[in-house]
Amino acid sequence: MALDATPAQSRTKGRETAERVRKAALKLFAEAGYAAVSMREIASAVGVQPGALYNHFPTKQDILKDLMLSHMAALLAAWENAGFPSAMDPLERFVRFHIRYHLQRADEVFIAYMELRNLDPENFAAVEAQRNRYEAILTSILEEGSTAGRYAVDNPRVATRAIIAMLTGLPTWYREGGRLTGDEIETLYLTMVRKAVAPVDTQSQRETG
């Protein structure tokens, strides 16, 4: 006679099922868009009955919120443990980190930015708070650099969003094995970012040098 699962085994199985739901939903949302995917389709991709999903995520909106918050939590944790040399220019550190992290997670990036419009107001606020935490990292770098005279930025918060938008667009077109390597892409984008925030006198020197 088969023994009933222990509470610990049930919790483990539950976590495994929830993770399978996340992975299936991530793939389906990235391929077809959040609005076009049903809970039934997610359940089919996981291999469970639709009713089983509700034990983990009461609504499709809960899945979307979970995916976005998980993405932001992982992003912030990765930044804290990035391991770049302490002597590296902070702006270079941020640009290289952002590119490396996001190029490996095209589906997560697509959903995190393109599906924001589909979040309920309360969920949007929760995700936006985490996005603001991440943006504040770059804003602080730009503010400190401007104070020190290394950068010329009229509005660090606007500059932050412009730079992040440019860097985050990379996964939409970059393909591994293409003409440019990841390192080359990093260097090219870093150069563009530096030119965008360079003091006027520095730009003039480059043009006349």
Protein backbone atom coordinates (compact mmCIF):
# COMPACT_ATOMS: atom_id res chain seq x y z
CA MET A 1 0.00 0.00 0.00
CA ALA A 2 1.42 3.40 -0.98
CA LEU A 3 2.12 5.73 1.89
CA ASP A 4 0.63 9.21 1.92
CA ALA A 5 3.09 11.97 1.17
CA THR A 6 4.53 13.71 4.21
CA PRO A 7 3.91 17.45 4.66
CA ALA A 8 7.53 18.12 3.65
CA GLN A 9 7.13 16.05 0.49
CA SER A 10 3.89 17.83 -0.34
CA ARG A 11 5.55 21.23 0.07
CA THR A 12 8.45 20.16 -2.13
CA LYS A 13 6.09 18.90 -4.82
CA GLY A 14 4.10 22.09 -4.56
CA ARG A 15 7.20 24.23 -5.06
CA GLU A 16 8.23 22.13 -8.04
CA THR A 17 4.80 22.48 -9.63
CA ALA A 18 4.76 26.23 -9.03
CA GLU A 19 8.16 26.54 -10.71
CA ARG A 20 6.92 24.55 -13.70
CA VAL A 21 3.96 26.91 -13.93
CA ARG A 22 6.31 29.91 -13.91
CA LYS A 23 8.50 28.47 -16.66
CA ALA A 24 5.53 27.50 -18.84
CA ALA A 25 3.85 30.88 -18.40
CA LEU A 26 7.11 32.72 -19.11
CA LYS A 27 7.51 30.90 -22.41
CA LEU A 28 3.88 31.33 -23.45
CA PHE A 29 3.70 35.01 -22.48
CA ALA A 30 6.93 35.73 -24.37
CA GLU A 31 5.71 33.91 -27.47
CA ALA A 32 2.07 35.00 -27.66
CA GLY A 33 1.67 37.85 -25.20
CA TYR A 34 -0.01 37.85 -21.81
CA ALA A 35 -3.48 38.78 -23.09
CA ALA A 36 -3.57 35.93 -25.59
CA VAL A 37 -2.66 33.14 -23.14
CA SER A 38 -5.27 31.37 -21.02
CA MET A 39 -4.87 29.52 -17.73
CA ARG A 40 -5.99 26.39 -19.57
CA GLU A 41 -3.09 26.74 -22.01
CA ILE A 42 -0.64 27.18 -19.14
CA ALA A 43 -2.04 24.10 -17.40
CA SER A 44 -1.72 22.11 -20.62
CA ALA A 45 1.91 23.16 -21.00
CA VAL A 46 2.62 22.11 -17.42
CA GLY A 47 0.72 18.84 -17.80
CA VAL A 48 -1.84 19.38 -15.05
CA GLN A 49 -5.55 20.06 -14.85
CA PRO A 50 -6.49 23.76 -14.91
CA GLY A 51 -7.85 23.51 -11.38
CA ALA A 52 -4.40 22.54 -10.13
CA LEU A 53 -3.01 25.94 -11.09
CA TYR A 54 -5.27 27.73 -8.66
CA ASN A 55 -3.55 26.03 -5.72
CA HIS A 56 -0.46 28.07 -6.61
CA PHE A 57 -1.72 31.12 -8.51
CA PRO A 58 -5.36 32.17 -8.05
CA THR A 59 -5.35 34.17 -11.30
CA LYS A 60 -3.28 34.69 -14.42
CA GLN A 61 -2.56 38.17 -13.08
CA ASP A 62 -0.88 36.58 -10.06
CA ILE A 63 1.43 34.65 -12.37
CA LEU A 64 2.41 37.81 -14.24
CA LYS A 65 3.06 39.69 -11.00
CA ASP A 66 5.13 36.79 -9.67
CA LEU A 67 7.24 36.64 -12.85
CA MET A 68 7.94 40.37 -12.80
CA LEU A 69 8.73 40.60 -9.10
CA SER A 70 10.94 37.52 -9.28
CA HIS A 71 12.81 39.05 -12.21
CA MET A 72 13.41 42.28 -10.34
CA ALA A 73 14.46 40.51 -7.13
CA ALA A 74 16.95 38.37 -9.05
CA LEU A 75 18.26 41.43 -10.91
CA LEU A 76 18.87 43.39 -7.72
CA ALA A 77 20.50 40.40 -6.02
CA ALA A 78 22.76 39.84 -9.03
CA TRP A 79 23.88 43.47 -8.93
CA GLU A 80 24.81 43.14 -5.27
CA ASN A 81 26.95 40.11 -6.09
CA ALA A 82 28.25 41.15 -9.51
CA GLY A 83 31.90 40.90 -8.49
CA PHE A 84 33.36 43.60 -10.74
CA PRO A 85 36.73 45.05 -9.72
CA SER A 86 36.26 47.81 -7.15
CA ALA A 87 38.53 50.09 -9.16
CA MET A 88 36.30 49.87 -12.25
CA ASP A 89 34.47 53.05 -13.20
CA PRO A 90 30.95 52.78 -11.68
CA LEU A 91 29.25 53.68 -14.96
CA GLU A 92 31.19 50.98 -16.82
CA ARG A 93 30.32 48.50 -14.08
CA PHE A 94 26.61 49.23 -14.42
CA VAL A 95 26.56 49.14 -18.23
CA ARG A 96 28.47 45.88 -18.47
CA PHE A 97 26.41 44.28 -15.72
CA HIS A 98 23.10 45.33 -17.26
CA ILE A 99 24.03 44.05 -20.69
CA ARG A 100 25.42 40.72 -19.48
CA TYR A 101 22.46 40.03 -17.23
CA HIS A 102 19.76 40.93 -19.72
CA LEU A 103 21.25 39.26 -22.79
CA GLN A 104 20.90 35.91 -21.02
CA ARG A 105 17.24 36.49 -20.15
CA ALA A 106 15.46 37.70 -23.27
CA ASP A 107 12.04 36.28 -22.31
CA GLU A 108 12.15 37.73 -18.79
CA VAL A 109 13.23 41.11 -20.14
CA PHE A 110 10.48 41.14 -22.78
CA ILE A 111 7.78 40.40 -20.24
CA ALA A 112 9.18 42.74 -17.57
CA TYR A 113 9.03 45.70 -19.93
CA MET A 114 6.34 44.94 -22.51
CA GLU A 115 3.70 43.53 -20.20
CA LEU A 116 3.72 46.28 -17.59
CA ARG A 117 0.56 47.66 -19.18
CA ASN A 118 -1.28 44.47 -18.28
CA LEU A 119 -0.63 44.70 -14.55
CA ASP A 120 -3.44 45.73 -12.24
CA PRO A 121 -2.74 49.09 -10.52
CA GLU A 122 -1.74 47.49 -7.21
CA ASN A 123 0.59 45.00 -8.88
CA PHE A 124 2.01 47.71 -11.12
CA ALA A 125 2.88 49.76 -8.04
CA ALA A 126 4.69 46.79 -6.47
CA VAL A 127 6.74 46.13 -9.60
CA GLU A 128 7.39 49.82 -10.18
CA ALA A 129 8.81 50.14 -6.67
CA GLN A 130 11.41 47.48 -7.47
CA ARG A 131 12.18 49.04 -10.85
CA ASN A 132 12.74 52.36 -9.08
CA ARG A 133 15.22 50.67 -6.72
CA TYR A 134 17.22 49.44 -9.69
CA GLU A 135 17.05 52.74 -11.56
CA ALA A 136 18.21 54.53 -8.42
CA ILE A 137 21.54 52.71 -8.70
CA LEU A 138 22.33 54.32 -12.05
CA THR A 139 20.84 57.66 -11.02
CA SER A 140 23.20 57.75 -8.04
CA ILE A 141 26.17 56.96 -10.29
CA LEU A 142 25.22 59.80 -12.65
CA GLU A 143 24.61 62.26 -9.82
CA GLU A 144 27.95 61.51 -8.17
CA GLY A 145 29.75 61.66 -11.51
CA SER A 146 28.14 64.98 -12.36
CA THR A 147 29.14 66.44 -8.99
CA ALA A 148 32.73 65.29 -9.59
CA GLY A 149 32.73 66.80 -13.10
CA ARG A 150 33.07 63.49 -14.93
CA TYR A 151 29.60 63.69 -16.47
CA ALA A 152 27.32 66.44 -17.69
CA VAL A 153 23.73 65.40 -17.00
CA ASP A 154 20.94 67.95 -16.65
CA ASN A 155 18.43 65.47 -15.26
CA PRO A 156 19.96 62.26 -13.89
CA ARG A 157 16.61 60.48 -13.54
CA VAL A 158 15.65 61.13 -17.16
CA ALA A 159 19.15 60.16 -18.29
CA THR A 160 18.86 56.96 -16.26
CA ARG A 161 15.67 55.91 -18.02
CA ALA A 162 17.08 56.79 -21.43
CA ILE A 163 20.24 54.74 -20.84
CA ILE A 164 18.37 51.76 -19.41
CA ALA A 165 15.90 51.82 -22.31
CA MET A 166 18.79 51.74 -24.78
CA LEU A 167 20.60 48.91 -23.00
CA THR A 168 17.45 46.86 -22.43
CA GLY A 169 16.61 46.93 -26.13
CA LEU A 170 19.64 44.75 -26.90
CA PRO A 171 17.96 41.34 -26.43
CA THR A 172 15.42 42.18 -29.14
CA TRP A 173 18.05 42.02 -31.86
CA TYR A 174 21.29 40.53 -30.52
CA ARG A 175 21.91 36.89 -31.34
CA GLU A 176 24.77 34.84 -29.96
CA GLY A 177 27.11 33.72 -32.71
CA GLY A 178 26.43 36.80 -34.81
CA ARG A 179 28.95 39.24 -36.26
CA LEU A 180 29.55 40.94 -32.91
CA THR A 181 30.53 39.18 -29.71
CA GLY A 182 29.00 40.00 -26.35
CA ASP A 183 32.21 41.75 -25.28
CA GLU A 184 32.21 43.87 -28.42
CA ILE A 185 28.59 44.83 -27.85
CA GLU A 186 29.40 45.85 -24.28
CA THR A 187 32.26 48.06 -25.42
CA LEU A 188 30.23 49.70 -28.19
CA TYR A 189 27.31 50.48 -25.91
CA LEU A 190 29.59 51.67 -23.13
CA THR A 191 31.18 54.12 -25.57
CA MET A 192 27.73 55.43 -26.59
CA VAL A 193 26.68 55.86 -22.98
CA ARG A 194 29.89 57.68 -22.07
CA LYS A 195 29.50 60.04 -25.03
CA ALA A 196 25.91 60.76 -24.00
CA VAL A 197 26.97 61.96 -20.54
CA ALA A 198 30.41 63.40 -21.33
CA PRO A 199 31.08 67.04 -20.38
CA VAL A 200 31.00 69.44 -23.33
CA ASP A 201 34.71 70.24 -23.09
CA THR A 202 35.52 66.52 -23.26
CA GLN A 203 33.39 66.13 -26.38
CA SER A 204 35.12 69.11 -28.00
CA GLN A 205 38.53 67.66 -27.27
CA ARG A 206 37.53 64.41 -28.96
CA GLU A 207 36.23 66.21 -32.02
CA THR A 208 39.37 68.36 -32.40
CA GLY A 209 41.90 65.81 -31.20
